[in-house]
Amino acid sequence: MERPLDLESLRLLVRVAATGSLSAVARESAVSQQAVSSRMTALESRLGVALLRRTPQGTRLTDAGALVAEWATPLLDEADRFASVTRSLRATAGTSIRVAASMTIAEHLAPRWLLALRAENEAAKIELIAANSVNVAELVRSGSADVGFIETPEIPDDLAHESFATDELVIVVGVDHPWVRRRSGVTVEELAAVPLIARERGSGTRLAYEQAMTNAGHPPVDPAIELSTTAAIRATVSSGRSPAVLSILAVREQLADGTLAKVRLRGLRILRPLTAVWRSGTAPRTPAVDELLAIVRRS
C-alpha cells in the first residue's frame, strides 16, 4: 500500500516556490535548512520526479515541481479548512445540543431533563424545538437537531433509536359531559363512532390512537376539530361537548383540579412507546447527547 503524501513537505515546497530560497523557508518554519532540504529530497523520492533545481542564484522549481506546487495549493487549503472545522467541532461538541421533541414530551418531560443536563454541565448551550413526531424525525434526519424524542408507534427505520418509557392514552371529557356519569365507561365501538377533538396528522398521539382502534376492529371516524397543541385541545374539551384522547402526562393536572374528567375505555388499553432517535452511521453522537440520554434513562 502506498504511503500517504506528507502534507507538511508539500507545504514547504509551495513556500520554496514563493520565496525561491530553502534558507528563507527554513527561517519561516523555525527549522534548519538541512531539515528543509531533507524533506524536499524525501518528497522527490516519494513522487519519483525532480522538484527543485539549485543554482548560485537560489533554488528554483523544475517544471514538474511547479506543477506539483500548483496542484498542492488547493489541497493544502482544504486540509487547513478541515483542521479548522474539526477544531471548532471539538470545541463545541461537548457543550452544544439541539433537541427536538414531540409536543407531549416537550411540554411534560423534556424541561426536567434539560434542567438536569444544565446542572451537570453549566457550559451546555441547549436549544429545544417542539414539533409533532413526524417533524421531529425530519429535523433529526436533516441534521437540524442532534437528538429527537418521539411518541409514535411507528419508529423511523432510517434512524438509530432507543425506547425509554411507555405512555398511556386516556379519554378525557368536560365535567358536564354525559359520559362522566357512566361508571361502566364506554366501549371501543362507541368511542370509534364519536368525532374527537384531535391533533393534526403527524402527531404521535393521534397515530397511536388510530392504530390501536383499527387493530381492535373499530377504525375511528374523522375528528370533529383538529388543533395543533395539547393546551388548545384541553381548553376546547373542557368547555365543549366533544371528548379527546390524550396522554395521561398531558392531563394529570386537569384531572386533579377537576377541570377535566377521565372516562374508562372498556376492553382496550392504549399504550405507546416514548423513543429517542438520532442519525445513525454518518454522524456519531456528541458527548452532550450521551449525557442527555443518560439522564433520560435515569428518569
Protein backbone atom coordinates (compact mmCIF):
# COMPACT_ATOMS: atom_id res chain seq x y z
CA MET A 1 0.00 0.00 0.00
CA GLU A 2 1.34 3.43 -0.95
CA ARG A 3 2.36 5.75 1.86
CA PRO A 4 0.16 8.85 2.17
CA LEU A 5 1.58 12.15 0.95
CA ASP A 6 3.34 14.30 3.55
CA LEU A 7 1.27 17.48 3.59
CA GLU A 8 3.92 19.42 5.52
CA SER A 9 6.51 18.62 2.85
CA LEU A 10 4.09 19.85 0.18
CA ARG A 11 3.59 23.00 2.24
CA LEU A 12 7.35 23.56 2.31
CA LEU A 13 7.52 23.05 -1.47
CA VAL A 14 4.86 25.72 -2.01
CA ARG A 15 6.83 28.15 0.19
CA VAL A 16 10.05 27.39 -1.73
CA ALA A 17 8.16 28.24 -4.93
CA ALA A 18 7.10 31.56 -3.40
CA THR A 19 10.45 32.57 -1.87
CA GLY A 20 12.97 30.87 -4.15
CA SER A 21 15.12 30.04 -1.12
CA LEU A 22 15.47 27.00 1.12
CA SER A 23 17.07 29.12 3.83
CA ALA A 24 14.14 31.58 3.84
CA VAL A 25 11.66 28.73 4.20
CA ALA A 26 13.79 27.27 6.99
CA ARG A 27 13.67 30.58 8.88
CA GLU A 28 9.89 30.84 8.40
CA SER A 29 9.41 27.31 9.71
CA ALA A 30 11.93 27.65 12.57
CA VAL A 31 13.89 24.59 11.38
CA SER A 32 17.33 24.11 9.86
CA GLN A 33 17.99 24.50 6.14
CA GLN A 34 19.26 20.92 6.18
CA ALA A 35 15.88 19.73 7.54
CA VAL A 36 14.01 21.51 4.73
CA SER A 37 16.41 20.10 2.13
CA SER A 38 15.95 16.58 3.53
CA ARG A 39 12.14 16.92 3.37
CA MET A 40 12.37 18.03 -0.27
CA THR A 41 14.66 15.11 -1.14
CA ALA A 42 12.23 12.67 0.51
CA LEU A 43 9.29 14.24 -1.38
CA GLU A 44 11.15 13.89 -4.69
CA SER A 45 11.81 10.23 -3.87
CA ARG A 46 8.16 9.69 -2.93
CA LEU A 47 6.84 11.26 -6.17
CA GLY A 48 9.60 9.92 -8.41
CA VAL A 49 10.34 13.28 -10.07
CA ALA A 50 12.88 16.09 -9.56
CA LEU A 51 11.15 19.06 -7.95
CA LEU A 52 14.00 21.54 -7.31
CA ARG A 53 16.94 22.92 -9.24
CA ARG A 54 19.64 24.50 -7.08
CA THR A 55 21.62 27.34 -8.68
CA PRO A 56 24.06 30.02 -7.39
CA GLN A 57 21.16 32.47 -7.58
CA GLY A 58 18.93 30.34 -5.34
CA THR A 59 16.55 27.40 -5.56
CA ARG A 60 14.13 27.16 -8.44
CA LEU A 61 11.38 24.65 -9.12
CA THR A 62 11.59 22.34 -12.10
CA ASP A 63 8.62 22.26 -14.45
CA ALA A 64 7.40 19.18 -12.61
CA GLY A 65 7.99 20.94 -9.28
CA ALA A 66 5.96 23.97 -10.40
CA LEU A 67 3.07 21.70 -11.38
CA VAL A 68 3.18 19.83 -8.06
CA ALA A 69 3.23 23.13 -6.13
CA GLU A 70 0.27 24.41 -8.16
CA TRP A 71 -1.74 21.23 -7.56
CA ALA A 72 -0.76 21.16 -3.88
CA THR A 73 -2.11 24.65 -3.13
CA PRO A 74 -5.87 23.83 -3.20
CA LEU A 75 -5.17 20.52 -1.43
CA LEU A 76 -3.44 22.37 1.42
CA ASP A 77 -6.24 24.94 1.57
CA GLU A 78 -8.77 22.13 2.01
CA ALA A 79 -6.58 20.46 4.66
CA ASP A 80 -6.41 23.76 6.58
CA ARG A 81 -10.18 24.17 6.30
CA PHE A 82 -10.69 20.62 7.55
CA ALA A 83 -8.39 21.24 10.52
CA SER A 84 -10.28 24.43 11.34
CA VAL A 85 -13.76 22.88 11.32
CA THR A 86 -12.65 19.85 13.35
CA ARG A 87 -11.10 22.19 15.95
CA SER A 88 -14.43 24.02 16.07
CA LEU A 89 -16.27 20.71 16.36
CA ARG A 90 -14.10 19.63 19.27
CA ALA A 91 -14.64 22.97 20.97
CA THR A 92 -18.43 22.78 20.80
CA ALA A 93 -19.27 19.08 20.66
CA GLY A 94 -19.49 18.62 24.39
CA THR A 95 -21.39 21.79 25.22
CA SER A 96 -23.89 22.42 22.40
CA ILE A 97 -27.03 20.37 21.80
CA ARG A 98 -30.15 20.88 19.69
CA VAL A 99 -33.08 18.80 20.92
CA ALA A 100 -36.34 18.22 19.05
CA ALA A 101 -39.27 16.74 20.97
CA SER A 102 -42.86 15.89 20.18
CA MET A 103 -45.40 18.05 21.95
CA THR A 104 -46.24 15.86 24.96
CA ILE A 105 -42.58 15.17 25.68
CA ALA A 106 -41.58 18.81 25.08
CA GLU A 107 -44.22 20.09 27.50
CA HIS A 108 -44.12 17.48 30.26
CA LEU A 109 -40.77 15.64 30.26
CA ALA A 110 -38.04 17.50 28.37
CA PRO A 111 -37.87 20.58 30.66
CA ARG A 112 -36.86 18.39 33.61
CA TRP A 113 -34.25 16.55 31.52
CA LEU A 114 -32.71 19.75 30.17
CA LEU A 115 -32.51 21.34 33.61
CA ALA A 116 -30.71 18.23 34.84
CA LEU A 117 -28.31 18.40 31.87
CA ARG A 118 -27.62 22.05 32.62
CA ALA A 119 -26.97 21.22 36.28
CA GLU A 120 -24.40 18.60 35.24
CA ASN A 121 -22.82 20.81 32.57
CA GLU A 122 -23.16 24.53 33.27
CA ALA A 123 -21.46 25.40 29.97
CA ALA A 124 -24.05 23.49 27.93
CA LYS A 125 -25.87 25.51 25.26
CA ILE A 126 -29.28 23.91 24.82
CA GLU A 127 -31.97 24.52 22.20
CA LEU A 128 -35.37 22.79 22.37
CA ILE A 129 -37.68 22.58 19.34
CA ALA A 130 -41.26 21.34 19.85
CA ALA A 131 -42.98 19.67 16.88
CA ASN A 132 -45.10 16.64 16.08
CA SER A 133 -43.39 13.26 15.86
CA VAL A 134 -43.13 13.24 12.06
CA ASN A 135 -41.45 16.65 12.04
CA VAL A 136 -39.13 15.70 14.90
CA ALA A 137 -37.85 12.75 12.86
CA GLU A 138 -37.29 15.04 9.87
CA LEU A 139 -35.37 17.57 11.98
CA VAL A 140 -33.05 14.80 13.16
CA ARG A 141 -32.75 13.34 9.68
CA SER A 142 -31.73 16.71 8.20
CA GLY A 143 -29.22 17.47 10.94
CA SER A 144 -31.27 20.38 12.32
CA ALA A 145 -31.47 18.51 15.64
CA ASP A 146 -28.82 16.36 17.33
CA VAL A 147 -31.37 14.12 19.01
CA GLY A 148 -35.16 13.79 18.91
CA PHE A 149 -37.84 12.39 21.20
CA ILE A 150 -40.98 10.98 19.63
CA GLU A 151 -44.18 9.36 20.90
CA THR A 152 -45.37 7.45 17.86
CA PRO A 153 -45.71 3.65 17.49
CA GLU A 154 -44.08 3.95 14.05
CA ILE A 155 -40.33 4.29 14.63
CA PRO A 156 -38.40 5.57 11.56
CA ASP A 157 -36.23 2.70 10.33
CA ASP A 158 -33.56 5.04 8.94
CA LEU A 159 -32.73 6.48 12.38
CA ALA A 160 -30.99 4.92 15.34
CA HIS A 161 -33.39 4.73 18.26
CA GLU A 162 -33.89 3.72 21.87
CA SER A 163 -37.28 3.42 23.57
CA PHE A 164 -37.06 4.58 27.18
CA ALA A 165 -40.65 4.56 28.53
CA THR A 166 -44.27 3.70 27.80
CA ASP A 167 -47.08 6.26 27.81
CA GLU A 168 -50.82 5.65 28.16
CA LEU A 169 -53.57 7.46 26.24
CA VAL A 170 -56.84 8.13 28.05
CA ILE A 171 -60.27 9.53 27.17
CA VAL A 172 -60.99 12.94 28.70
CA VAL A 173 -64.19 14.99 28.63
CA GLY A 174 -65.55 18.16 30.17
CA VAL A 175 -67.00 17.70 33.66
CA ASP A 176 -70.57 18.19 32.34
CA HIS A 177 -70.25 15.58 29.59
CA PRO A 178 -72.82 12.71 29.78
CA TRP A 179 -70.02 10.12 29.81
CA VAL A 180 -68.91 11.35 33.25
CA ARG A 181 -71.97 9.65 34.77
CA ARG A 182 -71.29 6.32 33.06
CA ARG A 183 -69.43 4.34 35.67
CA SER A 184 -69.04 1.39 33.32
CA GLY A 185 -67.27 3.62 30.79
CA VAL A 186 -67.59 3.41 27.02
CA THR A 187 -66.88 0.63 24.55
CA VAL A 188 -64.32 0.75 21.77
CA GLU A 189 -67.18 0.72 19.27
CA GLU A 190 -68.85 3.74 20.91
CA LEU A 191 -65.61 5.71 21.04
CA ALA A 192 -64.81 4.96 17.40
CA ALA A 193 -68.14 6.45 16.30
CA VAL A 194 -67.60 9.80 18.06
CA PRO A 195 -65.71 12.65 16.33
CA LEU A 196 -62.94 13.74 18.73
CA ILE A 197 -61.02 16.93 19.32
CA ALA A 198 -57.66 15.76 17.98
CA ARG A 199 -54.16 16.77 16.96
CA GLU A 200 -53.15 17.18 13.33
CA ARG A 201 -51.91 14.28 11.19
CA GLY A 202 -48.28 13.53 12.00
CA SER A 203 -48.97 13.68 15.72
CA GLY A 204 -47.82 10.60 17.65
CA THR A 205 -50.86 10.84 19.93
CA ARG A 206 -53.29 10.72 17.02
CA LEU A 207 -51.44 7.93 15.23
CA ALA A 208 -51.24 5.77 18.35
CA TYR A 209 -54.98 6.21 18.97
CA GLU A 210 -56.00 5.47 15.38
CA GLN A 211 -53.75 2.40 15.16
CA ALA A 212 -55.00 0.96 18.44
CA MET A 213 -58.64 1.43 17.48
CA THR A 214 -58.12 0.00 14.00
CA ASN A 215 -56.25 -3.01 15.42
CA ALA A 216 -59.20 -3.56 17.78
CA GLY A 217 -61.52 -3.76 14.75
CA HIS A 218 -63.08 -0.29 15.01
CA PRO A 219 -61.35 2.38 12.88
CA PRO A 220 -62.35 5.80 14.29
CA VAL A 221 -64.31 8.43 12.38
CA ASP A 222 -62.59 11.65 11.37
CA PRO A 223 -62.05 14.24 14.13
CA ALA A 224 -64.55 17.00 14.78
CA ILE A 225 -61.76 19.56 15.12
CA GLU A 226 -58.00 19.35 14.56
CA LEU A 227 -55.79 21.51 16.79
CA SER A 228 -52.01 21.89 16.79
CA THR A 229 -51.38 21.97 20.55
CA THR A 230 -52.41 19.87 23.53
CA ALA A 231 -53.26 23.00 25.51
CA ALA A 232 -55.78 24.05 22.86
CA ILE A 233 -57.36 20.58 22.91
CA ARG A 234 -57.68 20.61 26.70
CA ALA A 235 -59.34 24.04 26.67
CA THR A 236 -61.76 23.03 23.90
CA VAL A 237 -62.73 19.78 25.61
CA SER A 238 -63.29 21.41 29.00
CA SER A 239 -65.67 23.99 27.53
CA GLY A 240 -67.46 21.80 24.96
CA ARG A 241 -69.25 18.52 24.36
CA SER A 242 -66.61 16.60 22.42
CA PRO A 243 -64.13 14.20 24.02
CA ALA A 244 -60.42 13.82 23.31
CA VAL A 245 -57.85 11.06 23.69
CA LEU A 246 -54.63 12.42 25.18
CA SER A 247 -51.54 11.28 27.03
CA ILE A 248 -52.04 10.81 30.75
CA LEU A 249 -48.97 13.05 31.13
CA ALA A 250 -50.82 15.89 29.44
CA VAL A 251 -53.95 15.80 31.60
CA ARG A 252 -52.79 14.86 35.11
CA GLU A 253 -53.10 18.41 36.43
CA GLN A 254 -56.55 18.95 34.87
CA LEU A 255 -57.83 15.64 36.26
CA ALA A 256 -56.50 16.60 39.68
CA ASP A 257 -58.07 20.07 39.73
CA GLY A 258 -61.38 18.86 38.28
CA THR A 259 -61.41 20.80 35.00
CA LEU A 260 -61.41 17.55 33.01
CA ALA A 261 -62.76 14.08 33.75
CA LYS A 262 -61.32 10.72 32.70
CA VAL A 263 -63.63 8.14 31.11
CA ARG A 264 -62.90 4.43 31.24
CA LEU A 265 -62.42 2.67 27.91
CA ARG A 266 -63.72 -0.88 28.23
CA GLY A 267 -61.73 -3.73 26.75
CA LEU A 268 -58.75 -1.71 25.49
CA ARG A 269 -55.72 0.00 26.97
CA ILE A 270 -53.88 2.29 24.56
CA LEU A 271 -50.12 2.31 25.16
CA ARG A 272 -47.34 3.75 23.04
CA PRO A 273 -43.54 3.88 23.31
CA LEU A 274 -41.58 7.05 24.03
CA THR A 275 -38.43 6.88 21.91
CA ALA A 276 -35.17 8.77 21.43
CA VAL A 277 -33.92 8.97 17.82
CA TRP A 278 -30.66 10.16 16.29
CA ARG A 279 -28.82 9.83 12.99
CA SER A 280 -27.01 6.54 12.56
CA GLY A 281 -23.71 5.78 10.88
CA THR A 282 -22.74 9.10 9.33
CA ALA A 283 -22.88 11.25 12.47
CA PRO A 284 -21.71 9.87 15.83
CA ARG A 285 -23.49 11.10 18.93
CA THR A 286 -21.88 14.03 20.71
CA PRO A 287 -20.94 13.91 24.41
CA ALA A 288 -23.86 16.24 25.18
CA VAL A 289 -26.33 13.82 23.55
CA ASP A 290 -24.87 10.92 25.53
CA GLU A 291 -25.21 12.95 28.74
CA LEU A 292 -28.84 13.75 27.93
CA LEU A 293 -29.72 10.13 27.11
CA ALA A 294 -28.18 9.00 30.40
CA ILE A 295 -30.42 11.50 32.23
CA VAL A 296 -33.47 10.25 30.31
CA ARG A 297 -32.73 6.63 31.23
CA ARG A 298 -32.36 7.54 34.91
CA SER A 299 -35.70 9.36 34.93
